Amino acid sequence: MGLELRRDKNHNLRSKWWYGRYIINGKRHFTNLGIEVKGNAPESLRKRGDMAFECSRTLAEAKLKELVSEAHSRKTAAHHLEELYEIKAGEGIEQVPLTEMEMRWEFLPAKKPRTEQATKAQKTNIRQFREFMNERYPSVQNMSQVTRPMVLAWLTSLNERKLSGASYNVKLSVMRGLFEQLGPEAGILKNPFAGIPYRSLKTVHRQPFTEKELNAILENCDAIIRPVVLVGMCTAMRRGDCCKLKWESVDLRNGFISVKTSKTGEMAEIPLFPILRAELENRPRNSEFVFPEAEEMYRTNVHGLTWRFKKALKDAKIKNTQSDNENASVKASVKDFHSLRTTWITMALTAGVPMELVRRVTGHSTVEIVLKHYFRPKREEFRHALESSLPKALTGGIEERFDLPQAVLGIGEEMESLTPEELTKKFKALVAKVADMTDAEKEAAVLAA
């Protein structure tokens, strides 16, 4: 049993941590003790260093003794547990290596089918925990060897990285669930993640773009990202669904896109607006994907798409795209590609489009999700939408809401009975009415038509 420092060939420290080496039942162990090396380290541990160094050496020696004592106790307890288990079950306890955690998780039952995106994200969280354990506690090979102090050390490392509350909670949740479900077959006496509280959340919501900003973004997109952005603007689809859109999901004859969303697995049915329909009609069909270049980039270099959209925002001179949280290591985006989805939903609901139609387009399963995360009207637009929709008794006698499609149909029905002068007068009045409409009302008129 002894302490060690990790040095390079020039005898300089390669790590700021003390390491310990010991043997339990003939098996050698080498582990990071979690004690930081202080002061000036001598060339050899046979020599004494300064006071700060010797203090850290004393702490490391105490930690090593504690680990060895704990290892002996754990070995004895594990031996008794295995004997008891064998007597009752007639078989030995299976040990689940940390290296198998990702694979084992994938076969665990879930409340609903996991999407490819969610599976990749969760397996990444498990892998990162395994890599932390391998770096800090290399002697730990099986899940049953993971202790509460090790878990707390991992959570502390997440806090030091200044992860958002949401990211922290997701990582804690997936590891807690993994150890809970695999516990009986992995010989885990008590889930080391049990009872650890989640962090309180301060949700940062995406903000919608204005009509002027949408036009500016389109004008500054490059050839790869522009059609993807156009789809996002007109359909409220997520970026991945836009990039992976297939021709089989596009019905140009009836003017609809029908896709199963990658995140929720819900079916979304989206009408094709004229600007998007014209874009799709002019695209070549040389792949199963509508945008093969974007699909390849999403699959092989998703950061390239992120960079392109950020550049378009910058060139369009759109400001305040990130939250003002100074304590976060990475500031959350409040205006990014996903804001196109927020924009569509906000404009639709503000204009009076029924919630059921909005959910049919977005693929959301509940009203609460739409209202909580996506409905972000600005105060003036919100006020005008309410005044346009509520009875005059509540709004103070505001004139009735102008129904553009009905007005156009009305003129069409009267055309044969009107003189050219009367028809011109009615069209001028209609143009004036349209000029007074808000962007939200125009959007609603397009949807209604």
Protein backbone atom coordinates (compact mmCIF):
# COMPACT_ATOMS: atom_id res chain seq x y z
CA MET A 1 0.00 0.00 0.00
CA GLY A 2 1.42 3.41 -0.89
CA LEU A 3 0.90 6.88 -2.26
CA GLU A 4 1.92 7.89 -5.78
CA LEU A 5 2.15 11.02 -7.91
CA ARG A 6 1.72 10.96 -11.67
CA ARG A 7 4.70 12.55 -13.40
CA ASP A 8 5.94 12.97 -16.95
CA LYS A 9 9.39 11.96 -18.21
CA ASN A 10 10.80 15.26 -16.91
CA HIS A 11 9.43 14.49 -13.42
CA ASN A 12 6.83 17.26 -13.68
CA LEU A 13 3.39 16.54 -12.26
CA ARG A 14 0.89 15.31 -14.85
CA SER A 15 -2.03 15.39 -12.43
CA LYS A 16 -2.96 17.58 -9.49
CA TRP A 17 -4.35 14.57 -7.58
CA TRP A 18 -2.82 12.08 -5.16
CA TYR A 19 -3.11 8.41 -6.19
CA GLY A 20 -3.06 5.28 -4.06
CA ARG A 21 -2.01 1.70 -4.79
CA TYR A 22 -3.14 -1.27 -2.68
CA ILE A 23 -3.92 -5.00 -2.84
CA ILE A 24 -7.17 -6.68 -1.72
CA ASN A 25 -7.36 -10.48 -1.84
CA GLY A 26 -4.48 -10.68 -4.26
CA LYS A 27 -5.97 -8.09 -6.64
CA ARG A 28 -4.03 -4.88 -7.28
CA HIS A 29 -5.89 -1.54 -7.19
CA PHE A 30 -4.77 1.91 -8.34
CA THR A 31 -7.12 4.81 -7.69
CA ASN A 32 -7.45 8.58 -7.64
CA LEU A 33 -7.84 9.53 -3.97
CA GLY A 34 -9.59 12.82 -4.71
CA ILE A 35 -7.04 14.75 -2.61
CA GLU A 36 -5.34 17.64 -4.39
CA VAL A 37 -1.56 17.96 -4.30
CA LYS A 38 -0.62 21.24 -2.60
CA GLY A 39 2.61 23.19 -2.32
CA ASN A 40 5.87 22.18 -4.00
CA ALA A 41 6.36 18.46 -4.59
CA PRO A 42 9.90 17.10 -4.02
CA GLU A 43 11.63 15.02 -6.69
CA SER A 44 10.90 11.85 -4.73
CA LEU A 45 8.28 10.93 -2.15
CA ARG A 46 11.15 9.66 0.02
CA LYS A 47 11.99 13.34 0.58
CA ARG A 48 9.94 15.92 2.44
CA GLY A 49 8.28 18.84 0.72
CA ASP A 50 7.12 22.17 2.11
CA MET A 51 4.41 22.42 4.74
CA ALA A 52 1.50 22.62 2.24
CA PHE A 53 2.75 19.53 0.44
CA GLU A 54 3.17 17.52 3.63
CA CYS A 55 -0.35 18.48 4.78
CA SER A 56 -1.83 17.21 1.54
CA ARG A 57 0.28 14.02 1.86
CA THR A 58 -1.18 13.42 5.33
CA LEU A 59 -4.72 13.84 4.01
CA ALA A 60 -3.99 11.47 1.11
CA GLU A 61 -2.58 8.81 3.49
CA ALA A 62 -5.72 9.02 5.64
CA LYS A 63 -7.91 8.71 2.57
CA LEU A 64 -5.97 5.69 1.33
CA LYS A 65 -6.33 3.92 4.69
CA GLU A 66 -10.05 4.68 4.65
CA LEU A 67 -10.41 3.22 1.14
CA VAL A 68 -8.51 0.05 2.07
CA SER A 69 -10.63 -0.42 5.21
CA GLU A 70 -13.81 0.18 3.23
CA ALA A 71 -12.69 -2.26 0.53
CA HIS A 72 -12.08 -4.99 3.13
CA SER A 73 -15.49 -4.38 4.71
CA ARG A 74 -17.23 -4.30 1.34
CA LYS A 75 -15.52 -7.51 0.29
CA THR A 76 -16.64 -9.27 3.47
CA ALA A 77 -20.21 -7.96 3.16
CA ALA A 78 -20.35 -8.92 -0.49
CA HIS A 79 -19.11 -12.40 0.32
CA HIS A 80 -21.85 -12.91 2.93
CA LEU A 81 -24.46 -11.49 0.57
CA GLU A 82 -23.43 -13.86 -2.20
CA GLU A 83 -23.57 -16.83 0.15
CA LEU A 84 -27.06 -15.85 1.33
CA TYR A 85 -28.24 -15.28 -2.23
CA GLU A 86 -26.90 -18.64 -3.39
CA ILE A 87 -28.67 -20.42 -0.50
CA LYS A 88 -32.02 -18.79 -1.36
CA ALA A 89 -31.87 -18.67 -5.14
CA GLY A 90 -29.56 -21.54 -5.92
CA GLU A 91 -27.39 -19.31 -8.12
CA GLY A 92 -24.70 -16.68 -7.69
CA ILE A 93 -25.12 -12.90 -7.96
CA GLU A 94 -24.41 -11.52 -11.42
CA GLN A 95 -21.99 -8.61 -11.61
CA VAL A 96 -22.82 -5.96 -14.22
CA PRO A 97 -19.65 -4.24 -15.50
CA LEU A 98 -19.75 -0.46 -15.98
CA THR A 99 -18.79 -1.08 -19.60
CA GLU A 100 -22.15 -2.80 -20.19
CA MET A 101 -24.38 -0.04 -18.77
CA GLU A 102 -25.27 1.56 -22.12
CA MET A 103 -26.15 -1.80 -23.65
CA ARG A 104 -28.19 -2.92 -20.62
CA TRP A 105 -30.09 0.39 -20.54
CA GLU A 106 -31.19 -0.03 -24.15
CA PHE A 107 -32.97 -3.28 -23.27
CA LEU A 108 -34.77 -1.91 -20.22
CA PRO A 109 -38.57 -1.42 -20.55
CA ALA A 110 -39.79 2.14 -21.19
CA LYS A 111 -43.19 3.81 -20.82
CA LYS A 112 -43.22 4.67 -24.53
CA PRO A 113 -41.02 3.78 -27.53
CA ARG A 114 -37.68 5.61 -27.47
CA THR A 115 -36.81 7.71 -30.47
CA GLU A 116 -33.37 7.48 -32.08
CA GLN A 117 -32.53 10.98 -30.88
CA ALA A 118 -33.51 10.25 -27.25
CA THR A 119 -31.65 6.93 -27.24
CA LYS A 120 -28.44 8.55 -28.47
CA ALA A 121 -28.69 11.34 -25.86
CA GLN A 122 -29.32 9.01 -22.92
CA LYS A 123 -26.55 6.60 -23.88
CA THR A 124 -24.21 9.58 -24.05
CA ASN A 125 -25.16 10.54 -20.47
CA ILE A 126 -24.43 6.98 -19.27
CA ARG A 127 -21.12 6.88 -21.15
CA GLN A 128 -20.03 10.18 -19.58
CA PHE A 129 -20.73 8.81 -16.08
CA ARG A 130 -18.71 5.68 -16.92
CA GLU A 131 -15.80 7.80 -18.18
CA PHE A 132 -15.88 9.85 -14.98
CA MET A 133 -15.72 6.66 -12.89
CA ASN A 134 -12.88 5.28 -15.00
CA GLU A 135 -10.87 8.48 -14.54
CA ARG A 136 -11.54 9.11 -10.84
CA TYR A 137 -12.07 5.57 -9.56
CA PRO A 138 -10.30 3.17 -11.97
CA SER A 139 -10.52 0.28 -9.50
CA VAL A 140 -14.32 0.30 -9.73
CA GLN A 141 -15.32 -2.14 -12.45
CA ASN A 142 -18.91 -3.15 -11.59
CA MET A 143 -22.11 -1.28 -10.83
CA SER A 144 -22.31 -2.83 -7.36
CA GLN A 145 -19.03 -1.08 -6.45
CA VAL A 146 -20.41 2.42 -7.05
CA THR A 147 -20.94 4.18 -3.70
CA ARG A 148 -22.82 7.26 -2.61
CA PRO A 149 -19.64 9.39 -2.20
CA MET A 150 -18.64 8.52 -5.78
CA VAL A 151 -22.05 9.59 -7.06
CA LEU A 152 -21.85 12.87 -5.11
CA ALA A 153 -18.39 13.50 -6.55
CA TRP A 154 -19.80 13.03 -10.05
CA LEU A 155 -22.67 15.43 -9.35
CA THR A 156 -20.18 17.95 -7.97
CA SER A 157 -18.24 17.73 -11.23
CA LEU A 158 -21.46 18.51 -13.12
CA ASN A 159 -22.01 21.60 -10.99
CA GLU A 160 -18.43 22.70 -11.62
CA ARG A 161 -19.16 22.54 -15.34
CA LYS A 162 -22.08 24.93 -14.70
CA LEU A 163 -24.61 22.72 -16.46
CA SER A 164 -28.15 24.02 -16.68
CA GLY A 165 -30.64 22.67 -14.16
CA ALA A 166 -32.45 20.79 -16.91
CA SER A 167 -29.27 19.02 -18.14
CA TYR A 168 -28.22 18.18 -14.58
CA ASN A 169 -31.64 16.70 -13.78
CA VAL A 170 -31.74 14.61 -16.96
CA LYS A 171 -28.34 13.06 -16.18
CA LEU A 172 -29.34 12.36 -12.57
CA SER A 173 -32.66 10.88 -13.66
CA VAL A 174 -31.24 8.47 -16.23
CA MET A 175 -28.54 7.16 -13.85
CA ARG A 176 -31.01 6.80 -10.96
CA GLY A 177 -33.40 4.86 -13.17
CA LEU A 178 -30.61 2.67 -14.55
CA PHE A 179 -29.36 1.65 -11.09
CA GLU A 180 -32.92 1.19 -9.84
CA GLN A 181 -33.94 -1.17 -12.64
CA LEU A 182 -30.68 -3.13 -12.82
CA GLY A 183 -30.22 -3.25 -9.04
CA PRO A 184 -31.66 -6.73 -8.38
CA GLU A 185 -29.55 -8.44 -11.04
CA ALA A 186 -26.41 -6.34 -10.45
CA GLY A 187 -26.06 -7.10 -6.73
CA ILE A 188 -26.76 -3.49 -5.70
CA LEU A 189 -27.80 -3.43 -2.04
CA LYS A 190 -28.97 0.20 -2.13
CA ASN A 191 -29.30 2.55 -5.07
CA PRO A 192 -26.53 5.17 -4.53
CA PHE A 193 -28.60 7.72 -6.50
CA ALA A 194 -31.75 7.29 -4.38
CA GLY A 195 -32.97 10.37 -2.51
CA ILE A 196 -30.65 12.87 -4.22
CA PRO A 197 -32.80 15.95 -4.97
CA TYR A 198 -33.15 17.47 -8.41
CA ARG A 199 -32.06 21.05 -8.98
CA SER A 200 -34.69 23.75 -9.18
CA LEU A 201 -35.26 24.94 -12.73
CA LYS A 202 -35.25 28.39 -14.20
CA THR A 203 -36.72 27.72 -17.62
CA VAL A 204 -35.51 29.89 -20.49
CA HIS A 205 -38.17 30.05 -23.21
CA ARG A 206 -37.46 30.71 -26.87
CA GLN A 207 -38.73 34.02 -28.16
CA PRO A 208 -40.61 34.33 -31.46
CA PHE A 209 -39.24 36.24 -34.44
CA THR A 210 -41.09 39.17 -35.95
CA GLU A 211 -42.19 39.12 -39.59
CA LYS A 212 -39.41 41.58 -40.42
CA GLU A 213 -36.84 39.33 -38.74
CA LEU A 214 -38.09 36.26 -40.63
CA ASN A 215 -37.64 38.05 -43.97
CA ALA A 216 -34.16 39.22 -42.95
CA ILE A 217 -33.15 35.69 -41.92
CA LEU A 218 -34.23 34.22 -45.26
CA GLU A 219 -32.32 36.90 -47.15
CA ASN A 220 -29.10 36.02 -45.30
CA CYS A 221 -29.25 32.20 -45.38
CA ASP A 222 -26.87 30.23 -47.61
CA ALA A 223 -28.06 27.67 -50.16
CA ILE A 224 -27.94 24.72 -47.75
CA ILE A 225 -29.76 26.19 -44.76
CA ARG A 226 -32.28 28.44 -46.58
CA PRO A 227 -34.78 25.76 -47.70
CA VAL A 228 -34.57 24.12 -44.25
CA VAL A 229 -35.34 27.46 -42.59
CA LEU A 230 -38.23 28.03 -44.99
CA VAL A 231 -39.72 24.66 -44.04
CA GLY A 232 -39.31 25.49 -40.34
CA MET A 233 -41.02 28.86 -40.82
CA CYS A 234 -43.99 27.44 -42.72
CA THR A 235 -44.53 24.16 -40.86
CA ALA A 236 -43.29 24.58 -37.25
CA MET A 237 -41.29 21.35 -37.73
CA ARG A 238 -38.16 20.73 -35.65
CA ARG A 239 -34.78 21.10 -37.34
CA GLY A 240 -34.11 17.37 -37.56
CA ASP A 241 -37.54 16.70 -39.09
CA CYS A 242 -36.97 19.51 -41.62
CA CYS A 243 -33.56 18.15 -42.65
CA LYS A 244 -34.81 14.54 -42.88
CA LEU A 245 -38.02 15.37 -44.75
CA LYS A 246 -38.69 12.73 -47.42
CA TRP A 247 -40.58 13.08 -50.69
CA GLU A 248 -42.93 10.31 -49.59
CA SER A 249 -44.19 12.65 -46.84
CA VAL A 250 -44.96 15.48 -49.29
CA ASP A 251 -48.35 15.52 -51.01
CA LEU A 252 -48.12 18.34 -53.57
CA ARG A 253 -51.41 17.38 -55.16
CA ASN A 254 -53.45 17.96 -52.02
CA GLY A 255 -51.05 20.49 -50.51
CA PHE A 256 -50.01 18.69 -47.30
CA ILE A 257 -46.95 17.35 -45.46
CA SER A 258 -47.58 14.34 -43.20
CA VAL A 259 -44.70 13.29 -40.95
CA LYS A 260 -44.15 11.40 -37.71
CA THR A 261 -42.17 13.70 -35.43
CA SER A 262 -38.78 12.39 -34.29
CA LYS A 263 -39.11 13.60 -30.70
CA THR A 264 -42.63 12.51 -29.72
CA GLY A 265 -43.48 10.02 -32.45
CA GLU A 266 -46.80 11.83 -33.00
CA MET A 267 -48.18 12.26 -36.53
CA ALA A 268 -48.25 15.86 -37.74
CA GLU A 269 -50.31 17.06 -40.72
CA ILE A 270 -49.25 20.40 -42.13
CA PRO A 271 -50.81 22.37 -45.00
CA LEU A 272 -48.41 23.70 -47.61
CA PHE A 273 -48.32 27.49 -47.81
CA PRO A 274 -47.79 28.89 -51.33
CA ILE A 275 -44.20 30.02 -50.72
CA LEU A 276 -43.17 26.57 -49.49
CA ARG A 277 -45.13 24.78 -52.20
CA ALA A 278 -43.33 26.78 -54.87
CA GLU A 279 -39.97 25.90 -53.29
CA LEU A 280 -40.79 22.17 -53.25
CA GLU A 281 -42.16 22.12 -56.79
CA ASN A 282 -38.89 23.55 -58.12
CA ARG A 283 -36.58 21.13 -56.30
CA PRO A 284 -35.03 18.16 -58.14
CA ARG A 285 -35.96 14.65 -56.96
CA ASN A 286 -32.53 13.03 -57.00
CA SER A 287 -32.78 11.52 -53.52
CA GLU A 288 -35.38 10.10 -51.15
CA PHE A 289 -34.75 13.22 -49.06
CA VAL A 290 -36.11 16.60 -50.14
CA PHE A 291 -32.92 18.34 -48.95
CA PRO A 292 -30.12 15.73 -49.29
CA GLU A 293 -27.29 18.16 -48.49
CA ALA A 294 -28.96 19.27 -45.26
CA GLU A 295 -29.81 15.68 -44.32
CA GLU A 296 -26.18 14.60 -44.74
CA MET A 297 -24.93 17.55 -42.69
CA TYR A 298 -27.48 16.87 -39.93
CA ARG A 299 -26.31 13.26 -39.80
CA THR A 300 -22.55 13.87 -39.98
CA ASN A 301 -21.93 17.44 -38.79
CA VAL A 302 -24.95 18.96 -37.08
CA HIS A 303 -22.81 21.82 -35.77
CA GLY A 304 -22.39 22.96 -39.37
CA LEU A 305 -26.13 23.65 -39.55
CA THR A 306 -26.02 25.47 -36.21
CA TRP A 307 -23.15 27.64 -37.43
CA ARG A 308 -24.96 28.50 -40.66
CA PHE A 309 -28.13 29.57 -38.87
CA LYS A 310 -26.20 31.64 -36.31
CA LYS A 311 -24.38 33.35 -39.17
CA ALA A 312 -27.70 34.16 -40.82
CA LEU A 313 -28.96 35.70 -37.56
CA LYS A 314 -25.78 37.73 -37.23
CA ASP A 315 -25.88 38.92 -40.85
CA ALA A 316 -29.58 39.80 -40.42
CA LYS A 317 -28.53 41.95 -37.43
CA ILE A 318 -30.85 40.13 -35.03
CA LYS A 319 -29.79 40.87 -31.46
CA ASN A 320 -30.50 39.42 -27.99
CA THR A 321 -30.29 35.83 -29.19
CA GLN A 322 -29.04 34.46 -25.84
CA SER A 323 -30.18 34.63 -22.22
CA ASP A 324 -28.43 37.02 -19.85
CA ASN A 325 -27.56 34.36 -17.24
CA GLU A 326 -23.96 35.20 -16.35
CA ASN A 327 -23.54 32.12 -14.11
CA ALA A 328 -24.06 29.59 -16.90
CA SER A 329 -21.04 28.15 -18.71
CA VAL A 330 -23.02 28.13 -21.95
CA LYS A 331 -25.73 30.76 -22.30
CA ALA A 332 -29.09 29.40 -23.38
CA SER A 333 -30.40 30.46 -26.78
CA VAL A 334 -33.65 32.41 -26.81
CA LYS A 335 -33.60 32.95 -30.57
CA ASP A 336 -32.42 29.98 -32.62
CA PHE A 337 -33.85 27.53 -35.16
CA HIS A 338 -36.36 26.19 -32.63
CA SER A 339 -37.68 29.75 -32.30
CA LEU A 340 -39.21 29.28 -35.77
CA ARG A 341 -41.51 26.71 -34.14
CA THR A 342 -42.35 29.14 -31.33
CA THR A 343 -43.01 31.84 -33.93
CA TRP A 344 -45.45 29.72 -35.93
CA ILE A 345 -47.39 28.60 -32.87
CA THR A 346 -47.52 32.10 -31.36
CA MET A 347 -48.73 33.68 -34.61
CA ALA A 348 -51.33 30.96 -35.14
CA LEU A 349 -52.80 31.08 -31.63
CA THR A 350 -52.69 34.88 -31.48
CA ALA A 351 -54.57 35.02 -34.79
CA GLY A 352 -57.30 32.78 -33.39
CA VAL A 353 -56.40 29.44 -34.99
CA PRO A 354 -58.08 26.71 -32.85
CA MET A 355 -55.79 24.85 -30.49
CA GLU A 356 -56.76 21.48 -31.96
CA LEU A 357 -55.53 22.60 -35.40
CA VAL A 358 -52.28 23.89 -33.91
CA ARG A 359 -51.68 20.57 -32.14
CA ARG A 360 -52.45 18.72 -35.35
CA VAL A 361 -49.71 20.69 -37.10
CA THR A 362 -47.10 20.52 -34.32
CA GLY A 363 -47.73 16.95 -33.18
CA HIS A 364 -48.04 17.90 -29.50
CA SER A 365 -50.07 15.52 -27.38
CA THR A 366 -51.29 18.03 -24.78
CA VAL A 367 -52.51 21.61 -24.70
CA GLU A 368 -50.33 22.31 -21.63
CA ILE A 369 -47.09 21.74 -23.54
CA VAL A 370 -48.11 24.16 -26.29
CA LEU A 371 -49.16 26.92 -23.91
CA LYS A 372 -46.28 26.50 -21.46
CA HIS A 373 -43.37 26.24 -23.87
CA TYR A 374 -44.38 27.79 -27.20
CA PHE A 375 -47.10 30.44 -26.86
CA ARG A 376 -45.10 33.67 -26.46
CA PRO A 377 -47.09 36.64 -27.86
CA LYS A 378 -45.82 40.16 -27.44
CA ARG A 379 -48.07 42.39 -25.35
CA GLU A 380 -49.39 44.58 -28.17
CA GLU A 381 -50.15 41.62 -30.44
CA PHE A 382 -51.77 39.79 -27.53
CA ARG A 383 -53.94 42.79 -26.71
CA HIS A 384 -55.02 43.29 -30.32
CA ALA A 385 -55.83 39.59 -30.73
CA LEU A 386 -58.06 39.65 -27.66
CA GLU A 387 -59.79 42.87 -28.70
CA SER A 388 -60.41 41.41 -32.14
CA SER A 389 -61.87 38.19 -30.77
CA LEU A 390 -63.80 39.11 -27.60
CA PRO A 391 -67.33 40.62 -27.60
CA LYS A 392 -67.62 44.39 -27.91
CA ALA A 393 -69.18 44.49 -24.43
CA LEU A 394 -65.76 43.53 -22.99
CA THR A 395 -63.50 45.49 -25.33
CA GLY A 396 -65.36 48.79 -25.17
CA GLY A 397 -67.11 48.81 -28.53
CA ILE A 398 -64.23 47.99 -30.86
CA GLU A 399 -65.44 47.37 -34.39
CA GLU A 400 -66.13 43.82 -35.47
CA ARG A 401 -63.27 41.64 -36.63
CA PHE A 402 -62.60 41.94 -40.37
CA ASP A 403 -63.01 38.61 -42.18
CA LEU A 404 -60.83 38.92 -45.30
CA PRO A 405 -61.76 35.61 -47.00
CA GLN A 406 -65.47 36.35 -46.53
CA ALA A 407 -65.03 39.89 -47.86
CA VAL A 408 -63.34 38.59 -51.02
CA LEU A 409 -66.11 36.01 -51.55
CA GLY A 410 -68.72 38.72 -51.05
CA ILE A 411 -67.24 40.88 -53.80
CA GLY A 412 -67.10 37.84 -56.07
CA GLU A 413 -70.81 37.20 -55.58
CA GLU A 414 -71.67 40.84 -56.38
CA MET A 415 -69.38 41.26 -59.40
CA GLU A 416 -72.05 40.70 -62.07
CA SER A 417 -74.43 43.25 -60.53
CA LEU A 418 -71.83 46.00 -60.00
CA THR A 419 -70.71 48.69 -62.40
CA PRO A 420 -66.96 49.02 -63.09
CA GLU A 421 -66.88 52.15 -60.92
CA GLU A 422 -68.63 50.40 -58.00
CA LEU A 423 -66.37 47.35 -58.32
CA THR A 424 -63.26 49.58 -58.31
CA LYS A 425 -64.55 51.38 -55.21
CA LYS A 426 -65.11 48.12 -53.35
CA PHE A 427 -61.64 46.81 -54.24
CA LYS A 428 -60.03 50.07 -53.05
CA ALA A 429 -61.90 49.76 -49.75
CA LEU A 430 -60.77 46.14 -49.45
CA VAL A 431 -57.13 47.12 -50.09
CA ALA A 432 -57.39 49.80 -47.41
CA LYS A 433 -58.81 47.28 -44.95
CA VAL A 434 -55.96 44.85 -45.68
CA ALA A 435 -53.40 47.63 -45.17
CA ASP A 436 -54.80 48.22 -41.66
CA MET A 437 -54.58 44.55 -40.71
CA THR A 438 -51.85 43.37 -38.34
CA ASP A 439 -49.36 40.71 -39.37
CA ALA A 440 -51.15 38.25 -37.11
CA GLU A 441 -54.50 38.96 -38.80
CA LYS A 442 -52.97 38.51 -42.26
CA GLU A 443 -51.46 35.19 -41.13
CA ALA A 444 -54.86 34.10 -39.86
CA ALA A 445 -56.49 35.09 -43.15
CA VAL A 446 -54.00 32.94 -45.09
CA LEU A 447 -54.70 29.97 -42.82
CA ALA A 448 -58.45 30.47 -43.10
CA ALA A 449 -58.28 30.65 -46.88
